Amino acid sequence: MSQASIIGWSHSRFGRLEAPDTTSLMSEVVPDALAHAGLGAQDVDGLYVGVYNNGFSTQDFQAALVGVGVPELAATPATRLENACSTGSAALYAACDFIESGRGRVALVVGAEKMTGVPTPRAGEILLSGCYGPEEADVDGGFAGVFAGIARAYADRYGDPSDAMARIAAKNHRNGVTNPYAQLRKDLGYEMCSTVSEKNPLVAPPLRRTDCSLISDGAVALVLASDDVARAAHRRVRFRARAHANDVLPLSRRDPLEFAGVRRAWASALDQAAVGTLDLDLVETHDCFTIAELLQYEAFGLAERGQGHRVLDEGLTQADGKLPVNRSGGLKSKGHPIGATGVSMHAIAAMQVTGSAGEMQLPDAGLAGVFNMGGTAVSNYASILEAW
């Protein structure tokens, strides 16, 4: 069976962009990704598009919009996928399945979102639709309120995580300074991230503004190819492993601190790759809120439950630590355009393992882990990437 490899990519800057819609965002990255792969539109057998939308725009049918912005692809079979904040990974995995089933040799994956075209309160309402509406739709603070509830539950069971959360925020903002794609390229420092102030107010106690990812616009495209095409490519990155695991949507029906779906997806990927977490050279993970990254440390097996702060105490996940986590700045600094996020994380990891990450480049980055989740750890995607 042929295995899908990433052979090209293009990544827009994330932030409050002038591009008016996802059509323009996608048309910006698609030609550059194809050129990076050394291919043309005529070589693409299938398009896989990740856009959450759900109210950010009245224009939907997002899969067809690629062909509007790039007319050479208008007749190429196109499919749109949506899976909350893991929408981009859902599109990517579907493209991998397309190639590995033998249905096509080249697939183009595009993740995009235009979030800043609606008022911030409306954006919050749209994002909250990624929760279980009958029980969680009225929470104060929107999606931040949901994760604030998780942080309070963590405090009740294990002790206040606020200091650890501030250290995660400070780490990721420091890392984002060297990421040319990041929305906020500023080292905010631990003192600001740990202090409630006019510049860093409580959004949903105990979450401060610096504990929450940014509302962003942006797009990323990846070109995937079968083995026979990839062998002739200038760069190629294989999936040494990929796994997808789900958990039940309502928080009331599970332990919200267990991140059981995260554990299962991550453990499955490690098992497939025959490695442990500390065998990886870097991890790009889903820090939509800092409490999420803290819980992921525990789900990844880096610390016992309730002891995630020890990872930070040891400096393990710093840029110069044994396992750098979110060297890109993560969602906290880079931004979080929903449909683009999962594609971005895989693109950044591909840059690292091919030695083409510029100022972000880590030494000896041979094996990269990627973790992208949808909702409150409901849909969980774990990948392990390596160049070949």
Protein backbone atom coordinates (compact mmCIF):
# COMPACT_ATOMS: atom_id res chain seq x y z
CA MET A 1 0.00 0.00 0.00
CA SER A 2 1.34 3.43 -0.93
CA GLN A 3 1.81 5.81 1.98
CA ALA A 4 0.91 9.51 1.82
CA SER A 5 3.77 11.98 2.20
CA ILE A 6 3.77 15.75 2.48
CA ILE A 7 5.83 17.17 -0.38
CA GLY A 8 4.92 20.88 -0.37
CA TRP A 9 3.23 23.58 1.64
CA SER A 10 2.34 27.24 1.90
CA HIS A 11 1.41 29.11 5.07
CA SER A 12 -0.16 32.55 5.25
CA ARG A 13 0.42 34.91 8.12
CA PHE A 14 -2.25 34.55 10.80
CA GLY A 15 -4.03 37.52 12.30
CA ARG A 16 -6.56 40.21 11.41
CA LEU A 17 -6.03 40.09 7.66
CA GLU A 18 -7.35 42.29 4.87
CA ALA A 19 -8.47 39.27 2.81
CA PRO A 20 -12.29 39.51 2.84
CA ASP A 21 -13.18 35.81 2.81
CA THR A 22 -11.96 32.22 2.71
CA THR A 23 -11.93 32.24 -1.10
CA SER A 24 -9.22 34.89 -1.14
CA LEU A 25 -7.34 33.29 1.75
CA MET A 26 -7.26 29.89 0.04
CA SER A 27 -6.33 31.32 -3.35
CA GLU A 28 -3.31 32.94 -1.70
CA VAL A 29 -1.77 29.67 -0.48
CA VAL A 30 -2.83 27.08 -3.06
CA PRO A 31 -0.60 28.16 -5.99
CA ASP A 32 2.41 28.58 -3.72
CA ALA A 33 1.93 25.11 -2.19
CA LEU A 34 1.76 23.52 -5.63
CA ALA A 35 4.86 25.41 -6.74
CA HIS A 36 6.65 24.34 -3.57
CA ALA A 37 5.83 20.72 -4.44
CA GLY A 38 6.94 21.19 -8.05
CA LEU A 39 3.50 20.30 -9.36
CA GLY A 40 0.69 22.01 -11.25
CA ALA A 41 -3.07 22.11 -10.80
CA GLN A 42 -3.41 19.43 -13.48
CA ASP A 43 -1.54 16.98 -11.20
CA VAL A 44 -4.08 17.19 -8.36
CA ASP A 45 -6.47 14.25 -8.13
CA GLY A 46 -8.49 15.44 -5.14
CA LEU A 47 -9.08 18.54 -3.00
CA TYR A 48 -9.74 18.32 0.74
CA VAL A 49 -10.86 21.53 2.36
CA GLY A 50 -11.12 22.27 6.09
CA VAL A 51 -13.27 25.28 7.03
CA TYR A 52 -15.37 25.45 10.19
CA ASN A 53 -17.45 28.54 9.26
CA ASN A 54 -20.77 27.82 11.02
CA GLY A 55 -21.68 31.50 10.85
CA PHE A 56 -18.42 33.35 10.26
CA SER A 57 -19.71 33.79 6.69
CA THR A 58 -23.08 33.40 4.98
CA GLN A 59 -21.23 31.88 2.01
CA ASP A 60 -20.69 28.18 2.53
CA PHE A 61 -20.05 25.27 0.12
CA GLN A 62 -16.40 25.88 0.96
CA ALA A 63 -14.97 23.01 -1.07
CA ALA A 64 -16.18 24.64 -4.29
CA LEU A 65 -14.62 27.99 -3.36
CA VAL A 66 -11.09 26.72 -4.07
CA GLY A 67 -12.04 26.44 -7.74
CA VAL A 68 -13.47 29.96 -7.64
CA GLY A 69 -10.19 31.41 -6.42
CA VAL A 70 -8.01 29.06 -8.50
CA PRO A 71 -10.01 28.33 -11.69
CA GLU A 72 -7.55 25.62 -12.81
CA LEU A 73 -8.90 23.48 -9.95
CA ALA A 74 -12.60 24.11 -10.60
CA ALA A 75 -13.14 20.65 -12.13
CA THR A 76 -11.07 18.75 -9.54
CA PRO A 77 -13.15 16.61 -7.13
CA ALA A 78 -13.40 18.58 -3.90
CA THR A 79 -14.68 17.67 -0.44
CA ARG A 80 -15.12 19.90 2.59
CA LEU A 81 -14.70 18.54 6.13
CA GLU A 82 -15.64 20.04 9.48
CA ASN A 83 -14.69 18.72 12.91
CA ALA A 84 -14.66 21.74 15.24
CA CYS A 85 -11.12 22.89 16.06
CA SER A 86 -9.68 19.72 14.51
CA THR A 87 -11.24 20.53 11.14
CA GLY A 88 -7.84 20.92 9.44
CA SER A 89 -6.61 17.53 10.61
CA ALA A 90 -9.87 15.93 9.51
CA ALA A 91 -9.27 17.24 5.98
CA LEU A 92 -5.64 16.11 6.09
CA TYR A 93 -6.46 12.59 7.26
CA ALA A 94 -9.16 12.24 4.61
CA ALA A 95 -6.59 13.19 1.98
CA CYS A 96 -4.18 10.59 3.39
CA ASP A 97 -6.92 7.96 3.16
CA PHE A 98 -7.62 9.02 -0.44
CA ILE A 99 -4.01 8.41 -1.44
CA GLU A 100 -3.43 5.29 0.63
CA SER A 101 -6.58 3.66 -0.77
CA GLY A 102 -5.15 4.08 -4.25
CA ARG A 103 -7.92 6.41 -5.42
CA GLY A 104 -5.44 9.17 -6.25
CA ARG A 105 -1.73 9.97 -6.34
CA VAL A 106 -1.78 13.67 -5.41
CA ALA A 107 -4.10 15.45 -3.00
CA LEU A 108 -4.26 19.10 -2.04
CA VAL A 109 -5.32 19.96 1.51
CA VAL A 110 -6.42 23.49 2.34
CA GLY A 111 -7.39 24.75 5.78
CA ALA A 112 -8.77 28.26 6.17
CA GLU A 113 -10.90 30.51 8.34
CA LYS A 114 -12.02 34.14 8.24
CA MET A 115 -13.01 34.86 11.84
CA THR A 116 -12.57 38.62 12.16
CA GLY A 117 -15.37 39.56 9.80
CA VAL A 118 -17.92 39.29 12.61
CA PRO A 119 -17.99 41.15 15.95
CA THR A 120 -16.05 39.46 18.74
CA PRO A 121 -19.20 38.56 20.76
CA ARG A 122 -20.65 36.87 17.66
CA ALA A 123 -17.37 35.00 17.11
CA GLY A 124 -17.68 33.71 20.66
CA GLU A 125 -21.20 32.45 19.99
CA ILE A 126 -20.05 30.66 16.84
CA LEU A 127 -17.15 29.00 18.64
CA LEU A 128 -19.40 27.85 21.47
CA SER A 129 -21.29 25.72 18.97
CA GLY A 130 -18.34 23.33 19.30
CA CYS A 131 -19.69 22.39 22.74
CA TYR A 132 -22.78 20.37 23.68
CA GLY A 133 -25.50 22.98 23.30
CA PRO A 134 -28.24 21.56 25.55
CA GLU A 135 -25.91 21.66 28.57
CA GLU A 136 -23.09 24.06 27.77
CA ALA A 137 -24.46 26.77 25.47
CA ASP A 138 -25.30 29.24 28.25
CA VAL A 139 -21.95 29.16 30.06
CA ASP A 140 -20.59 32.61 30.94
CA GLY A 141 -17.56 33.57 28.89
CA GLY A 142 -18.27 31.35 25.88
CA PHE A 143 -15.74 28.66 25.06
CA ALA A 144 -13.30 30.31 27.46
CA GLY A 145 -15.93 29.77 30.14
CA VAL A 146 -16.01 26.05 29.37
CA PHE A 147 -12.24 25.71 29.77
CA ALA A 148 -12.36 27.97 32.81
CA GLY A 149 -14.67 25.39 34.36
CA ILE A 150 -12.08 22.72 33.58
CA ALA A 151 -9.37 24.87 35.20
CA ARG A 152 -11.51 25.31 38.32
CA ALA A 153 -12.12 21.56 38.49
CA TYR A 154 -8.35 21.04 38.21
CA ALA A 155 -7.80 23.48 41.08
CA ASP A 156 -10.35 21.68 43.25
CA ARG A 157 -8.75 18.29 42.66
CA TYR A 158 -5.04 19.01 42.35
CA GLY A 159 -4.39 22.63 43.32
CA ASP A 160 -4.49 25.96 41.50
CA PRO A 161 -2.95 25.63 37.99
CA SER A 162 -2.78 29.41 37.39
CA ASP A 163 1.00 29.66 37.79
CA ALA A 164 1.62 26.73 35.44
CA MET A 165 -0.80 28.24 32.94
CA ALA A 166 1.07 31.57 33.06
CA ARG A 167 4.37 29.81 32.44
CA ILE A 168 2.88 28.03 29.42
CA ALA A 169 1.59 31.34 28.06
CA ALA A 170 4.96 33.03 28.59
CA LYS A 171 6.80 30.13 26.91
CA ASN A 172 4.58 30.11 23.86
CA HIS A 173 4.64 33.88 23.39
CA ARG A 174 8.43 33.86 23.69
CA ASN A 175 8.59 31.12 21.06
CA GLY A 176 6.27 33.00 18.72
CA VAL A 177 8.67 35.93 18.36
CA THR A 178 10.64 34.02 15.71
CA ASN A 179 7.61 32.67 13.84
CA PRO A 180 6.99 34.82 10.72
CA TYR A 181 3.44 33.47 10.45
CA ALA A 182 2.41 34.30 14.02
CA GLN A 183 -0.31 36.79 14.86
CA LEU A 184 1.34 38.08 18.04
CA ARG A 185 5.14 38.12 17.78
CA LYS A 186 5.83 39.57 21.20
CA ASP A 187 7.50 38.14 24.30
CA LEU A 188 4.94 39.06 26.94
CA GLY A 189 6.98 37.68 29.84
CA TYR A 190 5.93 35.65 32.84
CA GLU A 191 5.07 38.68 34.99
CA MET A 192 2.42 39.94 32.58
CA CYS A 193 1.02 36.47 31.91
CA SER A 194 0.71 35.73 35.63
CA THR A 195 -0.83 39.07 36.66
CA VAL A 196 -4.42 40.21 36.24
CA SER A 197 -4.30 43.76 34.93
CA GLU A 198 -5.98 46.18 32.56
CA LYS A 199 -3.91 44.70 29.74
CA ASN A 200 -4.47 41.14 30.94
CA PRO A 201 -7.96 40.98 32.44
CA LEU A 202 -9.83 37.90 33.56
CA VAL A 203 -11.83 36.59 30.61
CA ALA A 204 -13.49 33.77 32.52
CA PRO A 205 -11.98 33.20 35.98
CA PRO A 206 -9.35 31.86 36.41
CA LEU A 207 -8.48 32.30 32.72
CA ARG A 208 -6.75 35.57 31.87
CA ARG A 209 -6.56 37.00 28.39
CA THR A 210 -3.07 35.52 28.03
CA ASP A 211 -4.52 32.05 28.74
CA CYS A 212 -6.74 32.21 25.65
CA SER A 213 -5.86 31.72 21.98
CA LEU A 214 -6.52 34.48 19.48
CA ILE A 215 -9.35 35.05 17.03
CA SER A 216 -7.61 34.88 13.66
CA ASP A 217 -7.80 34.77 9.90
CA GLY A 218 -5.47 32.61 7.87
CA ALA A 219 -4.94 29.71 5.50
CA VAL A 220 -2.47 26.87 4.99
CA ALA A 221 -2.14 24.38 2.14
CA LEU A 222 -0.33 21.04 2.02
CA VAL A 223 0.37 18.84 -1.00
CA LEU A 224 0.26 15.10 -0.34
CA ALA A 225 1.56 12.46 -2.72
CA SER A 226 1.85 8.72 -3.07
CA ASP A 227 5.24 7.04 -2.74
CA ASP A 228 5.96 6.97 -6.49
CA VAL A 229 5.35 10.72 -6.82
CA ALA A 230 7.06 11.61 -3.54
CA ARG A 231 10.30 9.86 -4.48
CA ALA A 232 10.95 12.52 -7.11
CA ALA A 233 10.06 15.44 -4.82
CA HIS A 234 12.56 17.94 -3.42
CA ARG A 235 11.31 17.23 0.11
CA ARG A 236 9.12 14.51 1.54
CA VAL A 237 7.70 13.98 5.00
CA ARG A 238 5.98 10.73 5.86
CA PHE A 239 3.46 9.92 8.56
CA ARG A 240 5.31 7.42 10.68
CA ALA A 241 2.00 7.18 12.54
CA ARG A 242 -1.40 8.85 12.68
CA ALA A 243 -4.34 8.15 14.97
CA HIS A 244 -7.79 9.59 15.58
CA ALA A 245 -9.81 8.98 18.75
CA ASN A 246 -13.07 10.47 19.97
CA ASP A 247 -14.65 11.09 23.36
CA VAL A 248 -18.27 11.75 24.28
CA LEU A 249 -19.34 15.35 23.58
CA PRO A 250 -21.12 16.36 26.82
CA LEU A 251 -18.68 17.09 29.63
CA SER A 252 -21.26 15.84 32.12
CA ARG A 253 -20.79 12.28 30.86
CA ARG A 254 -17.01 12.07 31.42
CA ASP A 255 -14.20 13.21 33.64
CA PRO A 256 -13.21 16.52 32.03
CA LEU A 257 -9.70 16.31 33.49
CA GLU A 258 -8.89 12.88 32.15
CA PHE A 259 -8.59 13.85 28.48
CA ALA A 260 -9.24 10.18 27.74
CA GLY A 261 -9.55 10.67 23.98
CA VAL A 262 -6.26 12.54 23.95
CA ARG A 263 -4.57 9.68 25.80
CA ARG A 264 -5.96 7.07 23.41
CA ALA A 265 -5.03 8.95 20.24
CA TRP A 266 -1.54 9.77 21.49
CA ALA A 267 -0.87 6.25 22.80
CA SER A 268 -2.06 4.74 19.51
CA ALA A 269 0.26 6.96 17.47
CA LEU A 270 3.22 6.14 19.71
CA ASP A 271 2.44 2.43 19.48
CA GLN A 272 2.28 2.55 15.67
CA ALA A 273 5.58 4.44 15.52
CA ALA A 274 7.21 2.19 18.16
CA VAL A 275 8.48 5.20 20.13
CA GLY A 276 7.83 6.95 23.44
CA THR A 277 6.95 10.60 23.90
CA LEU A 278 10.49 11.47 24.94
CA ASP A 279 11.86 9.88 21.76
CA LEU A 280 10.31 12.78 19.84
CA ASP A 281 12.37 15.86 19.05
CA LEU A 282 9.47 18.30 19.24
CA VAL A 283 5.70 18.49 19.65
CA GLU A 284 3.24 20.97 18.18
CA THR A 285 0.13 20.73 20.34
CA HIS A 286 -3.29 22.31 20.70
CA ASP A 287 -3.01 25.08 23.30
CA CYS A 288 -6.38 26.70 22.59
CA PHE A 289 -6.25 27.56 26.29
CA THR A 290 -3.23 27.11 28.53
CA ILE A 291 -5.09 24.64 30.75
CA ALA A 292 -5.41 22.43 27.65
CA GLU A 293 -1.64 22.27 27.13
CA LEU A 294 -1.16 21.50 30.84
CA LEU A 295 -3.62 18.59 30.66
CA GLN A 296 -1.99 17.37 27.45
CA TYR A 297 1.37 17.08 29.27
CA GLU A 298 -0.35 14.60 31.56
CA ALA A 299 -2.21 12.80 28.76
CA PHE A 300 1.05 12.43 26.82
CA GLY A 301 2.63 10.68 29.80
CA LEU A 302 5.08 13.45 30.64
CA ALA A 303 3.69 13.72 34.18
CA GLU A 304 1.24 11.97 36.46
CA ARG A 305 -2.28 13.38 36.62
CA GLY A 306 -2.27 16.59 38.62
CA GLN A 307 1.51 16.95 38.25
CA GLY A 308 1.76 18.70 34.89
CA HIS A 309 3.52 21.64 36.50
CA ARG A 310 6.57 19.41 37.02
CA VAL A 311 7.13 19.40 33.26
CA LEU A 312 7.54 23.17 33.49
CA ASP A 313 9.61 22.98 36.68
CA GLU A 314 12.11 20.79 34.82
CA GLY A 315 12.17 23.02 31.71
CA LEU A 316 11.33 19.95 29.64
CA THR A 317 9.11 21.73 27.09
CA GLN A 318 11.14 24.91 26.67
CA ALA A 319 12.71 25.62 23.28
CA ASP A 320 16.06 24.38 24.65
CA GLY A 321 14.53 21.54 26.68
CA LYS A 322 14.54 17.83 25.99
CA LEU A 323 11.12 18.01 24.29
CA PRO A 324 10.30 21.49 22.93
CA VAL A 325 6.53 21.98 22.81
CA ASN A 326 5.02 24.63 20.54
CA ARG A 327 8.28 26.06 19.25
CA SER A 328 6.03 27.88 16.76
CA GLY A 329 4.34 29.76 19.60
CA GLY A 330 1.34 27.47 19.41
CA LEU A 331 -2.20 28.72 19.05
CA LYS A 332 -1.50 31.21 21.84
CA SER A 333 0.98 33.25 19.80
CA LYS A 334 0.48 32.03 16.25
CA GLY A 335 -3.31 32.39 16.30
CA HIS A 336 -6.15 29.94 15.85
CA PRO A 337 -8.07 30.27 12.57
CA ILE A 338 -10.17 27.17 13.21
CA GLY A 339 -10.04 25.38 9.86
CA ALA A 340 -6.39 26.22 9.27
CA THR A 341 -5.02 25.17 12.65
CA GLY A 342 -4.55 21.43 12.13
CA VAL A 343 -3.02 21.98 8.69
CA SER A 344 -0.71 24.63 10.14
CA MET A 345 0.53 22.34 12.91
CA HIS A 346 1.47 19.66 10.39
CA ALA A 347 3.11 22.23 8.09
CA ILE A 348 5.22 23.63 10.95
CA ALA A 349 6.26 20.10 11.95
CA ALA A 350 7.16 19.35 8.32
CA MET A 351 9.30 22.48 8.22
CA GLN A 352 11.13 21.34 11.35
CA VAL A 353 11.93 17.80 10.20
CA THR A 354 13.12 19.05 6.79
CA GLY A 355 15.34 21.70 8.39
CA SER A 356 13.45 24.55 6.76
CA ALA A 357 11.86 26.27 9.76
CA GLY A 358 14.07 29.36 9.61
CA GLU A 359 14.51 31.15 12.93
CA MET A 360 12.20 28.57 14.54
CA GLN A 361 14.46 25.69 13.54
CA LEU A 362 15.38 23.26 16.30
CA PRO A 363 18.63 21.24 16.19
CA ASP A 364 18.31 17.56 15.32
CA ALA A 365 14.57 17.76 14.62
CA GLY A 366 14.17 14.31 13.13
CA LEU A 367 10.88 13.16 14.64
CA ALA A 368 7.93 15.46 15.30
CA GLY A 369 4.68 14.88 17.15
CA VAL A 370 1.51 16.79 16.31
CA PHE A 371 -1.64 16.87 18.41
CA ASN A 372 -4.82 18.68 17.29
CA MET A 373 -8.15 18.43 19.10
CA GLY A 374 -11.72 19.49 18.42
CA GLY A 375 -13.95 20.85 21.15
CA THR A 376 -13.14 19.94 24.74
CA ALA A 377 -10.87 17.04 23.74
CA VAL A 378 -13.73 15.36 21.85
CA SER A 379 -12.09 14.77 18.47
CA ASN A 380 -8.38 14.02 18.83
CA TYR A 381 -5.75 13.64 16.10
CA ALA A 382 -2.17 12.56 16.80
CA SER A 383 0.53 12.37 14.12
CA ILE A 384 4.21 11.50 14.14
CA LEU A 385 6.16 12.90 11.19
CA GLU A 386 9.64 12.28 9.81
CA ALA A 387 11.50 13.24 6.65
CA TRP A 388 12.66 10.50 4.29
